[in-house]
Amino acid sequence: MAITSANQLELLQTAEAVAREKMIDPDLVVQAMEESLARAAKSRYGSEMDIRVSIDRKTGKATFTRVRTVVADDALENYQSELTVEQAKQYLENPTIGDEIRDEVPPVEMGRIAAQSAKQVILQKVREAERDRQYVEFKDRVGTIINGVVKREEYGNVIVDIGRGEGILRRNEKIGRESYRPNDRVRCYIKDVRREARGPQVFLSRTDPQFMAELFKMEVPEIYDGIIEIKAVARDPGSRAKIAVISYDNSIDPVGACVGMRGSRVQAVVNELQGEKIDIIPWNEDQPTFLVNALQPAEVTKVVLDEEAERIEVVVPDEQLSLAIGRRGQNVRLASQLTGLDIDIMTESEESERRQAEFAERTKLFMDNLDLDEFFAQLLVSEGFTNLEEVAYVDVDELLVIDGVDEDTAQELQARARDVLEALNQKALERARELGVVDSLVNFEGLTPQMIEALAEDGVKSLEDFATCADWELAGGWTTVNGERVKDEGVLEKFDVSLEEAQNLVMTARIALGWVDPADLVSEEDDAETEEDGDEAEA
């Protein structure tokens, strides 16, 4: 194929036709043609040459130009596309490095192979332009619902025509065992839009919790208007879901508004989600109250919240246990997702047994260490004493409230407790010394001998070792592994050291070693306070 006047206008007509069909800029198609013609020219004149092609946007005339660049003498590598300053003087009066010398060369005849190569370049450029257009169009629509038409199914993944582009609904994003046939209409949630080297860029979902939230927004005008807010959503796609809502208008019931007249609004969502049962729950700022609501329809008799560990213990009547847990743990799992807390469910009888076991354990502790009879030890436990430290260092008045305890008895109890603690401390310190603990850690304020022993057993034997510890390594914490929260045991966790206390201890050690300047900490705190004041002022 020769680029002659007969087919010059054909180039522009072809570019415009392709651009219209693919809904992209015609100039991008022309640029692709220029690149493909330049590649064909290089195969004719030599790949070492820098051949460039420009197509006139009005006449369609293609101009082939050989470009040579002026470079320094020691940088000359390619004689076909580069030349030195001295060589360039025969073409330019005062050549400088970086100047370009352009010579027009005759158009090339395109053979069958070159034409095929040119076609591939144009198709590739058009596909890239299509993907860019699709990305720009859909990147701002993430988090919204879109209606599409099923085009085909590939290995369980559904390719959906979403208007000016295609989306992919992966197998794990379909509800249950949904199956689609070509030309079926489908409603999906745009979960993500990414630039991909190849293939679809718009990732769709029907299992994402926010899909249900968006469906409610479409069905319930009060949610769309912001009068009612969806605070949390948890789903077991195709089976059951829980959604927490709150109303900012006292005259509107959030649950009733979402249910609708005779259940019309919630039923529309249920139908779209293949019959997924939906529990609509009133949201509450008080976490225990919210959890009681979230565990419906089960009744809860007692809730114990551990905010630091983000765990919560729930006590239910014996006959309500299976209802609270749900089929295959579904009810408690959804409630956990909704509240963001790990939930331990136990029956009233199990909690009673645990309390009795704790009571017996503490009674035995006081009997063995303070040389008390069982009745007196039980009195101490009943009054809330849980360990020897509390007995040894509590105000005497708190011991005097126990029946039968006078001042002499209280002082004797405290003396015995202190003696036992002193012996235990001495033993712990000796053990720590045997393990190689040095004075810098022993003399560090804030650590008890038992803590030092526990640190030594974990390999922390000096103040330097201690200063390199992370706060969660000392106090313990929780991490999420494969979607499940896993407990990290802290070295000092059994001594009830909180995360904040661990942070303060480690920072004090770093200051003592000169690793951290206290002035820097003060300036950081001041900056944080300034930011908070600014936020409050804006609010």
Protein backbone atom coordinates (compact mmCIF):
# COMPACT_ATOMS: atom_id res chain seq x y z
CA MET A 1 0.00 0.00 0.00
CA ALA A 2 1.55 3.30 -1.05
CA ILE A 3 0.57 6.54 0.61
CA THR A 4 -0.66 8.38 -2.48
CA SER A 5 -3.15 11.18 -3.11
CA ALA A 6 -5.77 8.55 -3.95
CA ASN A 7 -5.96 7.28 -0.41
CA GLN A 8 -4.81 10.31 1.59
CA LEU A 9 -8.36 11.38 2.46
CA GLU A 10 -9.18 7.74 3.19
CA LEU A 11 -6.83 7.91 6.19
CA LEU A 12 -8.79 10.74 7.78
CA GLN A 13 -12.15 9.12 6.98
CA THR A 14 -10.99 5.84 8.53
CA ALA A 15 -9.70 7.67 11.63
CA GLU A 16 -13.02 9.48 12.09
CA ALA A 17 -15.04 6.28 11.61
CA VAL A 18 -12.95 4.36 14.17
CA ALA A 19 -13.12 7.29 16.61
CA ARG A 20 -16.92 7.47 16.30
CA GLU A 21 -17.32 3.73 16.79
CA LYS A 22 -15.06 3.60 19.84
CA MET A 23 -16.14 7.03 21.16
CA ILE A 24 -12.59 8.37 21.42
CA ASP A 25 -10.76 11.44 20.10
CA PRO A 26 -10.08 11.16 16.31
CA ASP A 27 -6.66 12.75 16.88
CA LEU A 28 -5.63 9.69 18.94
CA VAL A 29 -6.41 7.44 15.97
CA VAL A 30 -4.40 9.68 13.61
CA GLN A 31 -1.45 9.60 16.05
CA ALA A 32 -1.64 5.81 16.03
CA MET A 33 -1.57 5.85 12.22
CA GLU A 34 1.48 8.14 12.28
CA GLU A 35 3.27 5.75 14.60
CA SER A 36 2.39 2.71 12.48
CA LEU A 37 3.59 4.43 9.26
CA ALA A 38 6.83 5.45 11.01
CA ARG A 39 7.39 1.85 12.04
CA ALA A 40 6.84 0.69 8.45
CA ALA A 41 9.29 3.35 7.18
CA LYS A 42 11.95 2.18 9.64
CA SER A 43 11.65 -1.36 8.34
CA ARG A 44 12.25 0.06 4.83
CA TYR A 45 15.02 2.59 5.52
CA GLY A 46 16.62 0.87 8.52
CA SER A 47 15.70 0.53 12.21
CA GLU A 48 18.67 2.69 13.24
CA MET A 49 17.12 5.75 11.62
CA ASP A 50 14.79 8.11 13.45
CA ILE A 51 11.89 8.34 10.99
CA ARG A 52 8.86 10.40 11.96
CA VAL A 53 5.55 10.75 10.15
CA SER A 54 3.03 13.58 10.35
CA ILE A 55 -0.41 13.43 8.75
CA ASP A 56 -2.03 16.72 7.79
CA ARG A 57 -5.31 16.89 9.70
CA LYS A 58 -7.10 18.62 6.75
CA THR A 59 -5.74 17.02 3.58
CA GLY A 60 -4.64 13.65 4.95
CA LYS A 61 -1.19 14.04 3.35
CA ALA A 62 1.48 11.99 5.14
CA THR A 63 4.97 13.55 5.38
CA PHE A 64 7.95 11.28 6.14
CA THR A 65 10.87 12.99 7.87
CA ARG A 66 14.32 11.70 8.86
CA VAL A 67 15.50 13.36 12.09
CA ARG A 68 19.15 13.58 13.22
CA THR A 69 20.07 15.04 16.62
CA VAL A 70 23.26 16.97 17.41
CA VAL A 71 25.21 15.36 20.30
CA ALA A 72 28.59 15.75 21.97
CA ASP A 73 31.59 13.99 20.39
CA ASP A 74 31.89 11.45 23.20
CA ALA A 75 28.12 10.72 23.21
CA LEU A 76 27.86 9.72 19.54
CA GLU A 77 26.49 6.18 19.38
CA ASN A 78 24.11 5.94 16.43
CA TYR A 79 25.48 7.37 13.16
CA GLN A 80 22.09 7.13 11.45
CA SER A 81 20.17 9.31 13.95
CA GLU A 82 22.95 11.37 15.59
CA LEU A 83 25.82 13.58 14.47
CA THR A 84 28.49 15.70 16.14
CA VAL A 85 28.60 19.50 16.29
CA GLU A 86 31.39 19.49 13.68
CA GLN A 87 29.39 17.29 11.29
CA ALA A 88 26.30 19.43 11.75
CA LYS A 89 28.09 22.59 10.53
CA GLN A 90 27.49 21.58 6.93
CA TYR A 91 23.73 21.79 7.58
CA LEU A 92 23.48 24.55 10.24
CA GLU A 93 25.42 27.79 10.77
CA ASN A 94 25.86 27.59 14.56
CA PRO A 95 24.79 24.09 15.66
CA THR A 96 24.44 23.34 19.38
CA ILE A 97 23.89 20.08 21.24
CA GLY A 98 20.23 19.13 21.08
CA ASP A 99 19.51 20.75 17.69
CA GLU A 100 17.64 18.59 15.19
CA ILE A 101 18.24 18.34 11.44
CA ARG A 102 15.14 17.26 9.49
CA ASP A 103 15.17 15.89 5.94
CA GLU A 104 12.06 14.81 4.10
CA VAL A 105 12.28 11.29 2.66
CA PRO A 106 10.12 9.62 0.01
CA PRO A 107 6.95 7.82 1.19
CA VAL A 108 7.28 4.06 1.51
CA GLU A 109 5.44 1.24 -0.14
CA MET A 110 3.76 -0.86 2.56
CA GLY A 111 3.94 -4.57 1.95
CA ARG A 112 1.47 -7.07 3.35
CA ILE A 113 3.52 -7.70 6.54
CA ALA A 114 4.11 -3.98 7.13
CA ALA A 115 0.41 -3.26 6.63
CA GLN A 116 -0.50 -5.98 9.11
CA SER A 117 1.98 -4.56 11.64
CA ALA A 118 0.53 -1.08 11.12
CA LYS A 119 -2.95 -2.42 11.73
CA GLN A 120 -1.83 -4.01 15.01
CA VAL A 121 -0.28 -0.73 16.20
CA ILE A 122 -3.47 1.18 15.40
CA LEU A 123 -5.67 -1.40 17.15
CA GLN A 124 -3.43 -1.35 20.23
CA LYS A 125 -3.50 2.44 20.43
CA VAL A 126 -7.27 2.45 19.99
CA ARG A 127 -7.67 -0.11 22.80
CA GLU A 128 -5.44 1.97 25.11
CA ALA A 129 -7.48 5.09 24.30
CA GLU A 130 -10.69 3.16 25.00
CA ARG A 131 -9.38 2.04 28.39
CA ASP A 132 -8.31 5.57 29.31
CA ARG A 133 -11.73 6.94 28.32
CA GLN A 134 -13.46 4.22 30.33
CA TYR A 135 -11.27 4.91 33.38
CA VAL A 136 -11.93 8.68 33.25
CA GLU A 137 -15.67 8.10 32.84
CA PHE A 138 -16.13 5.61 35.68
CA LYS A 139 -13.46 6.54 38.29
CA ASP A 140 -15.79 9.07 39.93
CA ARG A 141 -18.69 6.61 40.01
CA VAL A 142 -17.11 4.18 42.50
CA GLY A 143 -19.59 3.50 45.30
CA THR A 144 -22.69 3.89 43.13
CA ILE A 145 -25.14 1.45 41.58
CA ILE A 146 -25.26 0.90 37.83
CA ASN A 147 -27.64 -1.02 35.57
CA GLY A 148 -26.10 -3.20 32.89
CA VAL A 149 -26.79 -5.95 30.39
CA VAL A 150 -25.04 -9.33 30.57
CA LYS A 151 -22.81 -9.86 27.52
CA ARG A 152 -21.20 -13.21 28.28
CA GLU A 153 -19.87 -15.44 31.04
CA GLU A 154 -16.21 -16.44 31.27
CA TYR A 155 -15.07 -19.05 33.80
CA GLY A 156 -17.84 -18.04 36.20
CA ASN A 157 -17.13 -14.31 35.82
CA VAL A 158 -19.84 -12.24 34.15
CA ILE A 159 -18.94 -9.53 31.63
CA VAL A 160 -21.52 -6.74 31.85
CA ASP A 161 -22.22 -4.02 29.28
CA ILE A 162 -22.50 -0.83 31.35
CA GLY A 163 -23.11 1.63 28.56
CA ARG A 164 -19.88 3.22 27.41
CA GLY A 165 -17.74 0.35 28.57
CA GLU A 166 -17.63 -3.10 30.12
CA GLY A 167 -17.52 -4.22 33.74
CA ILE A 168 -16.66 -7.55 35.29
CA LEU A 169 -18.75 -9.24 37.97
CA ARG A 170 -16.45 -11.84 39.48
CA ARG A 171 -17.66 -15.22 40.61
CA ASN A 172 -17.14 -14.38 44.31
CA GLU A 173 -19.05 -11.10 43.90
CA LYS A 174 -22.27 -12.83 42.84
CA ILE A 175 -25.00 -13.64 45.36
CA GLY A 176 -25.21 -17.35 46.13
CA ARG A 177 -25.49 -19.39 42.96
CA GLU A 178 -26.77 -16.63 40.71
CA SER A 179 -26.51 -17.46 37.03
CA TYR A 180 -27.03 -15.09 34.13
CA ARG A 181 -27.73 -15.49 30.46
CA PRO A 182 -26.76 -13.06 27.69
CA ASN A 183 -29.01 -9.97 27.50
CA ASP A 184 -30.22 -10.39 31.13
CA ARG A 185 -30.49 -7.04 32.90
CA VAL A 186 -28.44 -6.83 36.11
CA ARG A 187 -28.02 -4.19 38.79
CA CYS A 188 -24.54 -3.97 40.35
CA TYR A 189 -22.42 -1.87 42.71
CA ILE A 190 -19.27 -0.27 41.25
CA LYS A 191 -16.71 -1.53 43.75
CA ASP A 192 -13.48 -0.40 42.13
CA VAL A 193 -12.14 1.22 38.96
CA ARG A 194 -8.48 0.57 38.23
CA ARG A 195 -6.04 1.15 35.43
CA GLU A 196 -5.21 -2.34 34.17
CA ALA A 197 -2.65 -3.34 31.56
CA ARG A 198 -5.38 -5.34 29.84
CA GLY A 199 -8.94 -6.44 30.37
CA PRO A 200 -11.84 -4.76 32.16
CA GLN A 201 -11.15 -1.90 34.51
CA VAL A 202 -14.57 -1.59 36.18
CA PHE A 203 -15.06 -4.18 38.94
CA LEU A 204 -18.66 -4.81 39.95
CA SER A 205 -20.17 -6.46 43.01
CA ARG A 206 -23.50 -7.68 44.31
CA THR A 207 -22.15 -9.01 47.62
CA ASP A 208 -20.55 -5.82 48.97
CA PRO A 209 -22.36 -4.51 52.09
CA GLN A 210 -22.49 -1.06 50.54
CA PHE A 211 -24.57 -2.46 47.64
CA MET A 212 -27.39 -3.01 50.11
CA ALA A 213 -26.84 0.44 51.63
CA GLU A 214 -27.13 2.04 48.18
CA LEU A 215 -30.30 0.05 47.44
CA PHE A 216 -31.87 1.39 50.65
CA LYS A 217 -30.81 4.90 49.63
CA MET A 218 -32.73 4.42 46.37
CA GLU A 219 -35.84 3.01 48.09
CA VAL A 220 -35.98 5.27 51.19
CA PRO A 221 -36.20 9.02 50.39
CA GLU A 222 -35.31 9.91 54.01
CA ILE A 223 -31.90 8.22 53.61
CA TYR A 224 -31.30 10.00 50.30
CA ASP A 225 -32.21 13.33 51.94
CA GLY A 226 -29.89 12.69 54.92
CA ILE A 227 -32.66 12.61 57.54
CA ILE A 228 -31.83 8.96 58.22
CA GLU A 229 -28.23 7.72 58.08
CA ILE A 230 -26.99 4.17 57.58
CA LYS A 231 -24.28 3.79 60.22
CA ALA A 232 -23.19 0.18 59.61
CA VAL A 233 -23.98 -2.76 57.35
CA ALA A 234 -23.09 -6.44 57.70
CA ARG A 235 -24.02 -9.12 55.17
CA ASP A 236 -23.94 -12.83 54.64
CA PRO A 237 -24.79 -12.47 50.93
CA GLY A 238 -27.91 -14.28 49.82
CA SER A 239 -28.78 -15.41 53.35
CA ARG A 240 -29.01 -12.70 56.01
CA ALA A 241 -27.99 -9.11 56.65
CA LYS A 242 -28.10 -6.51 59.41
CA ILE A 243 -28.24 -2.78 58.85
CA ALA A 244 -27.95 -0.13 61.57
CA VAL A 245 -29.79 3.17 61.04
CA ILE A 246 -30.24 6.40 62.98
CA SER A 247 -32.73 9.25 62.49
CA TYR A 248 -31.78 12.91 62.93
CA ASP A 249 -35.45 13.87 63.12
CA ASN A 250 -37.18 12.82 66.35
CA SER A 251 -40.53 12.60 64.56
CA ILE A 252 -39.26 9.92 62.14
CA ASP A 253 -38.73 6.30 63.19
CA PRO A 254 -35.63 5.09 61.28
CA VAL A 255 -36.63 1.41 61.36
CA GLY A 256 -40.22 2.10 60.30
CA ALA A 257 -39.10 4.37 57.46
CA CYS A 258 -36.79 1.68 56.10
CA VAL A 259 -39.47 -1.02 56.37
CA GLY A 260 -42.08 1.12 54.59
CA MET A 261 -45.82 0.70 54.33
CA ARG A 262 -46.57 -3.01 54.76
CA GLY A 263 -42.88 -3.70 54.25
CA SER A 264 -42.87 -2.34 50.68
CA ARG A 265 -39.48 -0.59 50.89
CA VAL A 266 -37.50 -3.38 52.53
CA GLN A 267 -39.23 -5.95 50.31
CA ALA A 268 -37.95 -4.19 47.19
CA VAL A 269 -34.39 -4.53 48.54
CA VAL A 270 -34.98 -8.16 49.57
CA ASN A 271 -36.22 -9.02 46.07
CA GLU A 272 -33.12 -7.48 44.48
CA LEU A 273 -30.89 -9.47 46.87
CA GLN A 274 -32.45 -12.84 46.02
CA GLY A 275 -34.55 -13.09 49.19
CA GLU A 276 -31.80 -12.10 51.65
CA LYS A 277 -33.38 -11.62 55.11
CA ILE A 278 -32.65 -8.15 56.49
CA ASP A 279 -32.65 -7.10 60.16
CA ILE A 280 -33.03 -3.32 60.50
CA ILE A 281 -31.53 -2.20 63.81
CA PRO A 282 -31.65 1.21 65.56
CA TRP A 283 -28.09 2.48 65.99
CA ASN A 284 -26.95 3.64 69.43
CA GLU A 285 -23.77 5.45 70.51
CA ASP A 286 -23.63 3.28 73.63
CA GLN A 287 -21.86 0.14 72.37
CA PRO A 288 -23.41 -2.36 74.82
CA THR A 289 -26.91 -1.06 73.99
CA PHE A 290 -26.15 -1.21 70.27
CA LEU A 291 -24.89 -4.77 70.65
CA VAL A 292 -28.06 -5.85 72.46
CA ASN A 293 -30.01 -4.47 69.48
CA ALA A 294 -27.64 -6.12 66.99
CA LEU A 295 -28.09 -9.57 68.53
CA GLN A 296 -31.84 -9.51 67.98
CA PRO A 297 -33.95 -11.62 67.99
CA ALA A 298 -31.97 -13.13 70.92
CA GLU A 299 -32.45 -11.65 74.42
CA VAL A 300 -29.37 -10.48 76.33
CA THR A 301 -29.21 -10.44 80.13
CA LYS A 302 -25.72 -8.98 80.66
CA VAL A 303 -23.00 -7.24 78.65
CA VAL A 304 -19.35 -6.76 79.72
CA LEU A 305 -17.29 -4.47 77.44
CA ASP A 306 -13.47 -4.50 77.23
CA GLU A 307 -12.84 -1.33 75.19
CA GLU A 308 -9.05 -1.72 75.04
CA ALA A 309 -9.20 -5.24 73.58
CA GLU A 310 -12.27 -4.34 71.51
CA ARG A 311 -13.96 -7.43 72.90
CA ILE A 312 -17.35 -7.83 74.48
CA GLU A 313 -18.83 -10.59 76.59
CA VAL A 314 -22.53 -11.26 76.26
CA VAL A 315 -24.53 -13.38 78.68
CA VAL A 316 -27.80 -14.87 77.42
CA PRO A 317 -30.36 -17.23 79.00
CA ASP A 318 -29.49 -20.91 78.44
CA GLU A 319 -32.44 -21.45 76.10
CA GLN A 320 -31.45 -18.39 73.99
CA LEU A 321 -27.89 -19.55 73.20
CA SER A 322 -28.60 -21.18 69.84
CA LEU A 323 -30.73 -18.20 68.77
CA ALA A 324 -27.99 -15.72 69.73
CA ILE A 325 -25.31 -17.67 67.86
CA GLY A 326 -27.54 -18.37 64.86
CA ARG A 327 -27.18 -21.01 62.20
CA ARG A 328 -23.46 -21.71 61.68
CA GLY A 329 -22.69 -18.71 63.89
CA GLN A 330 -24.35 -16.34 61.45
CA ASN A 331 -26.18 -14.09 63.94
CA VAL A 332 -23.20 -13.43 66.20
CA ARG A 333 -20.86 -13.07 63.21
CA LEU A 334 -23.05 -10.37 61.63
CA ALA A 335 -23.44 -8.61 64.98
CA SER A 336 -19.64 -8.64 65.35
CA GLN A 337 -19.17 -7.12 61.88
CA LEU A 338 -21.83 -4.52 62.60
CA THR A 339 -20.31 -3.37 65.92
CA GLY A 340 -16.65 -3.91 65.05
CA LEU A 341 -16.16 -5.90 68.26
CA ASP A 342 -15.19 -9.48 68.99
CA ILE A 343 -18.14 -11.07 70.78
CA ASP A 344 -17.96 -13.91 73.27
CA ILE A 345 -21.36 -15.42 74.01
CA MET A 346 -21.95 -17.49 77.12
CA THR A 347 -25.01 -18.75 78.93
CA GLU A 348 -26.03 -17.69 82.42
CA SER A 349 -25.00 -21.08 83.78
CA GLU A 350 -21.54 -20.84 82.13
CA GLU A 351 -21.04 -17.37 83.55
CA SER A 352 -22.10 -18.60 86.98
CA GLU A 353 -19.59 -21.46 86.79
CA ARG A 354 -16.82 -19.07 85.75
CA ARG A 355 -17.61 -16.69 88.61
CA GLN A 356 -17.57 -19.58 91.07
CA ALA A 357 -14.20 -20.78 89.69
CA GLU A 358 -12.72 -17.26 90.03
CA PHE A 359 -14.14 -16.99 93.55
CA ALA A 360 -12.58 -20.34 94.55
CA GLU A 361 -9.22 -19.41 92.95
CA ARG A 362 -9.00 -16.09 94.81
CA THR A 363 -10.13 -17.71 98.07
CA LYS A 364 -7.32 -20.27 97.77
CA LEU A 365 -4.81 -17.48 97.00
CA PHE A 366 -5.63 -15.71 100.27
CA MET A 367 -5.79 -18.96 102.28
CA ASP A 368 -2.36 -20.16 101.07
CA ASN A 369 -0.49 -16.83 101.27
CA LEU A 370 -2.10 -15.06 104.22
CA ASP A 371 -2.65 -18.18 106.38
CA LEU A 372 -6.42 -17.55 106.63
CA ASP A 373 -9.28 -19.96 107.11
CA GLU A 374 -11.71 -20.48 104.23
CA PHE A 375 -14.49 -18.33 105.70
CA PHE A 376 -12.25 -15.29 106.24
CA ALA A 377 -10.68 -15.65 102.77
CA GLN A 378 -14.18 -15.77 101.25
CA LEU A 379 -15.08 -12.57 103.09
CA LEU A 380 -12.10 -10.80 101.46
CA VAL A 381 -13.09 -12.00 97.99
CA SER A 382 -16.72 -11.02 98.56
CA GLU A 383 -15.58 -7.48 99.37
CA GLY A 384 -13.90 -7.28 95.95
CA PHE A 385 -10.26 -8.03 96.79
CA THR A 386 -8.66 -9.94 93.90
CA ASN A 387 -4.91 -10.06 94.67
CA LEU A 388 -2.30 -9.61 97.38
CA GLU A 389 -1.29 -6.10 96.21
CA GLU A 390 -4.80 -4.81 96.92
CA VAL A 391 -4.73 -6.22 100.44
CA ALA A 392 -1.19 -4.97 101.14
CA TYR A 393 -1.54 -1.39 99.96
CA VAL A 394 -5.25 -0.56 100.25
CA ASP A 395 -6.40 2.05 102.75
CA VAL A 396 -6.98 0.39 106.15
CA ASP A 397 -10.54 1.77 106.27
CA GLU A 398 -11.49 -0.51 103.36
CA LEU A 399 -10.51 -3.56 105.41
CA LEU A 400 -12.36 -2.34 108.49
CA VAL A 401 -15.73 -2.56 106.70
CA ILE A 402 -15.41 -6.37 106.68
CA ASP A 403 -17.36 -8.01 109.52
CA GLY A 404 -15.10 -9.11 112.35
CA VAL A 405 -12.05 -7.10 111.20
CA ASP A 406 -10.69 -4.56 113.67
CA GLU A 407 -7.69 -2.28 113.25
CA ASP A 408 -5.17 -4.80 114.65
CA THR A 409 -6.48 -7.54 112.36
CA ALA A 410 -6.34 -5.21 109.35
CA GLN A 411 -2.73 -4.23 110.09
CA GLU A 412 -1.79 -7.89 110.58
CA LEU A 413 -3.38 -8.79 107.23
CA GLN A 414 -1.47 -6.04 105.46
CA ALA A 415 1.82 -6.99 107.15
CA ARG A 416 1.40 -10.63 106.05
CA ALA A 417 0.55 -9.57 102.48
CA ARG A 418 3.58 -7.28 102.30
CA ASP A 419 5.89 -10.00 103.63
CA VAL A 420 4.65 -12.45 101.01
CA LEU A 421 5.02 -9.87 98.24
CA GLU A 422 8.54 -8.98 99.43
CA ALA A 423 9.54 -12.66 99.31
CA LEU A 424 8.03 -13.07 95.85
CA ASN A 425 9.79 -9.92 94.63
CA GLN A 426 13.12 -11.12 95.99
CA LYS A 427 12.69 -14.51 94.35
CA ALA A 428 11.70 -12.89 91.01
CA LEU A 429 14.71 -10.56 91.13
CA GLU A 430 17.12 -13.46 91.83
CA ARG A 431 15.65 -15.39 88.92
CA ALA A 432 16.00 -12.33 86.63
CA ARG A 433 19.66 -11.93 87.68
CA GLU A 434 20.27 -15.59 86.85
CA LEU A 435 18.84 -14.95 83.37
CA GLY A 436 21.33 -12.10 82.85
CA VAL A 437 19.34 -8.95 83.64
CA VAL A 438 21.60 -5.90 84.21
CA ASP A 439 21.22 -3.02 86.70
CA SER A 440 19.98 -0.52 84.09
CA LEU A 441 16.72 -2.49 83.79
CA VAL A 442 16.46 -3.42 87.49
CA ASN A 443 16.77 0.22 88.56
CA PHE A 444 14.30 1.49 85.93
CA GLU A 445 11.30 3.02 87.69
CA GLY A 446 7.90 1.60 86.76
CA LEU A 447 8.82 -2.09 86.49
CA THR A 448 8.15 -4.52 89.33
CA PRO A 449 10.51 -7.48 89.99
CA GLN A 450 7.89 -9.85 88.52
CA MET A 451 7.73 -7.72 85.37
CA ILE A 452 11.53 -7.74 85.10
CA GLU A 453 11.52 -11.54 85.45
CA ALA A 454 8.91 -11.86 82.68
CA LEU A 455 10.95 -9.53 80.43
CA ALA A 456 14.13 -11.53 81.11
CA GLU A 457 12.38 -14.77 80.16
CA ASP A 458 11.45 -13.07 76.87
CA GLY A 459 15.06 -12.00 76.20
CA VAL A 460 14.76 -8.37 77.35
CA LYS A 461 17.73 -7.98 79.74
CA SER A 462 18.82 -4.34 79.58
CA LEU A 463 17.27 -0.88 79.35
CA GLU A 464 18.43 -0.74 75.71
CA ASP A 465 16.54 -3.96 74.96
CA PHE A 466 13.45 -2.56 76.69
CA ALA A 467 13.61 0.74 74.78
CA THR A 468 13.44 -1.11 71.44
CA CYS A 469 10.17 -2.88 72.38
CA ALA A 470 6.91 -1.89 70.76
CA ASP A 471 4.00 -0.99 73.03
CA TRP A 472 1.86 -3.91 71.74
CA GLU A 473 4.72 -6.34 72.44
CA LEU A 474 4.46 -5.37 76.11
CA ALA A 475 0.70 -4.79 76.56
CA GLY A 476 -0.59 -7.20 73.91
CA GLY A 477 -3.05 -6.38 71.19
CA TRP A 478 -5.14 -7.62 68.31
CA THR A 479 -4.30 -8.00 64.65
CA THR A 480 -6.47 -9.04 61.70
CA VAL A 481 -5.26 -12.10 59.79
CA ASN A 482 -7.30 -13.35 56.82
CA GLY A 483 -10.30 -11.37 58.03
CA GLU A 484 -10.15 -12.80 61.58
CA ARG A 485 -8.93 -10.97 64.68
CA VAL A 486 -5.98 -12.76 66.29
CA LYS A 487 -4.67 -12.12 69.80
CA ASP A 488 -1.04 -11.03 70.27
CA GLU A 489 0.08 -11.95 73.79
CA GLY A 490 2.00 -9.15 75.53
CA VAL A 491 4.99 -9.86 77.78
CA LEU A 492 3.51 -7.68 80.55
CA GLU A 493 -0.15 -8.30 79.75
CA LYS A 494 -0.73 -10.52 82.80
CA PHE A 495 0.26 -7.54 84.98
CA ASP A 496 -2.64 -5.48 83.54
CA VAL A 497 -0.30 -3.04 81.78
CA SER A 498 -2.40 -0.97 79.34
CA LEU A 499 -1.23 0.10 75.89
CA GLU A 500 -0.90 3.70 77.06
CA GLU A 501 1.15 2.67 80.11
CA ALA A 502 3.41 0.57 77.87
CA GLN A 503 3.91 3.56 75.53
CA ASN A 504 4.86 5.81 78.47
CA LEU A 505 7.32 3.23 79.89
CA VAL A 506 9.07 2.71 76.55
CA MET A 507 9.24 6.46 75.85
CA THR A 508 10.66 7.11 79.36
CA ALA A 509 13.35 4.49 78.70
CA ARG A 510 14.25 6.12 75.37
CA ILE A 511 14.51 9.54 77.02
CA ALA A 512 16.70 8.07 79.79
CA LEU A 513 19.05 6.62 77.16
CA GLY A 514 19.17 9.91 75.24
CA TRP A 515 17.50 8.44 72.15
CA VAL A 516 14.66 10.96 72.32
CA ASP A 517 14.74 14.66 73.24
CA PRO A 518 11.87 15.54 75.63
CA ALA A 519 11.63 18.97 73.95
CA ASP A 520 10.64 17.26 70.70
CA LEU A 521 7.82 15.45 72.48
CA VAL A 522 6.53 18.69 73.98
CA SER A 523 6.52 20.43 70.58
CA GLU A 524 4.65 17.46 69.03
CA GLU A 525 2.02 17.63 71.79
CA ASP A 526 1.66 21.39 71.25
CA ASP A 527 1.19 20.85 67.50
CA ALA A 528 -1.46 18.21 68.17
CA GLU A 529 -3.30 20.53 70.56
CA THR A 530 -3.13 23.37 68.01
CA GLU A 531 -4.65 21.10 65.34
CA GLU A 532 -7.43 20.06 67.72
CA ASP A 533 -8.17 23.70 68.57
CA GLY A 534 -8.30 24.51 64.84
CA ASP A 535 -10.71 21.63 64.20
CA GLU A 536 -12.95 22.79 67.05
CA ALA A 537 -12.91 26.35 65.69
CA GLU A 538 -13.93 25.11 62.24
CA ALA A 539 -16.72 23.02 63.76
